[in-house]
């Protein structure tokens, strides 16, 4: 097994609490993550929750199952990918930027690749990176429209 690692970040014009609320609104993740629909399978959305994310187009794609293994609001969430096709860990961090209502959203993946499939990562990485970059740009816009939390 090899590893496919990726880390991207995007500036967000919203307070960390608002970014966190938007990122952990699992049922709305499809509004910003390209071609993906997320469902809570079990749990309350926090640590121990299991999620199922289908990524694809017109029913052709793959299912990514995962379990939330760390949840420290409003700082970080870490998941363990538990599927046959996608395994390893991933997550995100929300970093406050100064005294303003701005943040940096960091998304990372450390995926295990089946024996022999690691040679494909250099070929797949540009497309995966492009899709994730587009999704994170959409996420930053999503956050700016996401309902502000009562202070």
Protein backbone atom coordinates (compact mmCIF):
# COMPACT_ATOMS: atom_id res chain seq x y z
CA UNK A 1 0.00 0.00 0.00
CA UNK A 2 1.23 3.46 -0.90
CA UNK A 3 -0.08 6.87 0.05
CA UNK A 4 -1.70 9.61 -1.99
CA UNK A 5 -1.41 12.87 -0.09
CA UNK A 6 -2.96 16.22 -0.81
CA UNK A 7 -3.39 19.46 1.14
CA UNK A 8 -5.15 22.57 -0.16
CA UNK A 9 -6.38 25.71 1.52
CA UNK A 10 -8.63 28.62 0.69
CA UNK A 11 -9.16 32.02 2.34
CA UNK A 12 -12.74 32.53 3.54
CA UNK A 13 -14.43 35.83 4.34
CA UNK A 14 -16.27 34.51 7.37
CA UNK A 15 -15.57 33.97 11.06
CA UNK A 16 -14.22 30.54 12.07
CA UNK A 17 -17.50 29.59 13.79
CA UNK A 18 -19.45 30.27 10.58
CA UNK A 19 -16.92 28.35 8.47
CA UNK A 20 -17.10 25.44 10.91
CA UNK A 21 -20.90 25.41 10.84
CA UNK A 22 -20.89 25.42 7.02
CA UNK A 23 -18.23 22.68 6.79
CA UNK A 24 -20.03 20.36 9.21
CA UNK A 25 -23.45 20.81 7.63
CA UNK A 26 -23.04 17.36 6.09
CA UNK A 27 -26.32 17.29 4.18
CA UNK A 28 -25.43 20.53 2.36
CA UNK A 29 -21.89 19.53 1.40
CA UNK A 30 -23.10 18.73 -2.11
CA UNK A 31 -23.81 22.44 -2.61
CA UNK A 32 -20.09 23.11 -2.79
CA UNK A 33 -18.28 19.77 -3.26
CA UNK A 34 -18.27 18.96 -6.97
CA UNK A 35 -20.46 16.02 -7.90
CA UNK A 36 -20.83 14.81 -4.32
CA UNK A 37 -23.82 13.98 -2.13
CA UNK A 38 -23.23 13.28 1.57
CA UNK A 39 -25.56 11.45 3.95
CA UNK A 40 -25.23 10.82 7.68
CA UNK A 41 -25.57 7.05 8.07
CA UNK A 42 -25.47 7.01 11.87
CA UNK A 43 -24.68 9.40 14.69
CA UNK A 44 -25.32 13.03 15.50
CA UNK A 45 -22.75 14.57 13.14
CA UNK A 46 -19.94 14.52 15.71
CA UNK A 47 -17.25 12.04 16.72
CA UNK A 48 -18.27 8.46 15.90
CA UNK A 49 -20.69 9.53 13.18
CA UNK A 50 -20.55 7.51 9.97
CA UNK A 51 -21.02 9.23 6.63
CA UNK A 52 -21.55 8.05 3.07
CA UNK A 53 -20.48 10.31 0.20
CA UNK A 54 -21.29 9.45 -3.39
CA UNK A 55 -19.17 11.25 -5.99
CA UNK A 56 -20.07 10.90 -9.60
CA UNK A 57 -22.26 11.99 -12.47
CA UNK A 58 -25.63 10.51 -13.46
CA UNK A 59 -25.25 7.53 -11.15
CA UNK A 60 -21.73 6.61 -12.33
CA UNK A 61 -19.11 7.16 -9.65
CA UNK A 62 -18.00 5.77 -6.33
CA UNK A 63 -19.12 5.60 -2.71
CA UNK A 64 -16.79 6.89 -0.02
CA UNK A 65 -17.75 5.70 3.46
CA UNK A 66 -16.11 7.28 6.48
CA UNK A 67 -16.21 7.66 10.24
CA UNK A 68 -15.51 10.88 12.11
CA UNK A 69 -12.63 10.04 14.47
CA UNK A 70 -11.81 13.52 15.76
CA UNK A 71 -14.02 16.58 16.14
CA UNK A 72 -12.72 19.71 17.85
CA UNK A 73 -15.13 22.54 17.06
CA UNK A 74 -14.41 25.02 15.60
CA UNK A 75 -10.85 23.92 14.80
CA UNK A 76 -10.59 20.53 13.12
CA UNK A 77 -12.36 17.42 11.95
CA UNK A 78 -10.62 14.17 11.00
CA UNK A 79 -12.22 11.19 9.29
CA UNK A 80 -11.18 7.64 8.55
CA UNK A 81 -12.17 6.53 5.06
CA UNK A 82 -13.51 2.98 5.44
CA UNK A 83 -14.45 1.95 1.90
CA UNK A 84 -12.94 -0.66 -0.35
CA UNK A 85 -11.95 1.94 -2.95
CA UNK A 86 -11.09 4.87 -0.68
CA UNK A 87 -9.25 4.23 2.59
CA UNK A 88 -6.94 6.26 4.78
CA UNK A 89 -7.60 9.54 6.57
CA UNK A 90 -8.68 13.03 5.68
CA UNK A 91 -10.04 16.10 7.30
CA UNK A 92 -10.11 19.84 7.54
CA UNK A 93 -8.96 22.68 9.76
CA UNK A 94 -10.37 26.15 10.26
CA UNK A 95 -7.77 28.79 11.10
CA UNK A 96 -8.71 32.28 12.29
CA UNK A 97 -7.00 35.10 10.42
CA UNK A 98 -6.22 37.94 12.80
CA UNK A 99 -8.94 39.87 14.59
CA UNK A 100 -11.25 40.05 11.57
CA UNK A 101 -14.09 37.79 10.52
CA UNK A 102 -11.84 35.92 8.12
CA UNK A 103 -10.51 32.39 8.16
CA UNK A 104 -8.40 29.93 6.25
CA UNK A 105 -9.98 26.57 5.45
CA UNK A 106 -7.51 23.72 5.00
CA UNK A 107 -8.57 20.39 3.45
CA UNK A 108 -6.24 17.41 3.52
CA UNK A 109 -6.25 13.78 2.45
CA UNK A 110 -3.79 10.98 3.20
CA UNK A 111 -5.26 8.08 1.26
CA UNK A 112 -3.95 4.54 1.10
CA UNK A 113 -3.62 3.20 -2.41
CA UNK A 114 -3.94 -0.52 -3.11
CA UNK A 115 -0.79 -2.38 -4.14
CA UNK A 116 0.22 -1.31 -7.63
CA UNK A 117 -2.31 1.55 -7.82
CA UNK A 118 0.15 4.06 -6.36
CA UNK A 119 1.76 4.44 -9.77
CA UNK A 120 -1.53 5.99 -10.97
CA UNK A 121 -1.45 8.81 -8.38
CA UNK A 122 0.85 11.06 -10.44
CA UNK A 123 -1.63 10.72 -13.32
CA UNK A 124 -4.77 11.21 -11.19
CA UNK A 125 -3.41 13.92 -8.88
CA UNK A 126 -3.86 16.90 -11.29
CA UNK A 127 -7.54 16.09 -11.90
CA UNK A 128 -8.18 15.40 -8.20
CA UNK A 129 -6.42 18.66 -7.26
CA UNK A 130 -8.39 20.62 -9.87
CA UNK A 131 -11.71 19.27 -8.57
CA UNK A 132 -10.81 19.90 -4.95
CA UNK A 133 -9.57 23.43 -5.75
CA UNK A 134 -12.86 24.23 -7.52
CA UNK A 135 -14.80 22.76 -4.59
CA UNK A 136 -12.89 24.82 -2.03
CA UNK A 137 -13.44 28.00 -4.05
CA UNK A 138 -17.16 27.16 -4.08
CA UNK A 139 -16.96 26.48 -0.33
CA UNK A 140 -15.55 29.96 0.34
CA UNK A 141 -18.51 31.45 -1.55
CA UNK A 142 -20.93 29.08 0.24
CA UNK A 143 -19.61 30.28 3.60
CA UNK A 144 -20.26 33.92 2.74
CA UNK A 145 -23.95 33.06 2.17
CA UNK A 146 -24.25 30.57 5.02
CA UNK A 147 -26.53 31.79 7.82
CA UNK A 148 -24.50 33.70 10.36
CA UNK A 149 -24.53 32.24 13.85
CA UNK A 150 -26.21 34.20 16.62
CA UNK A 151 -23.58 35.88 18.72
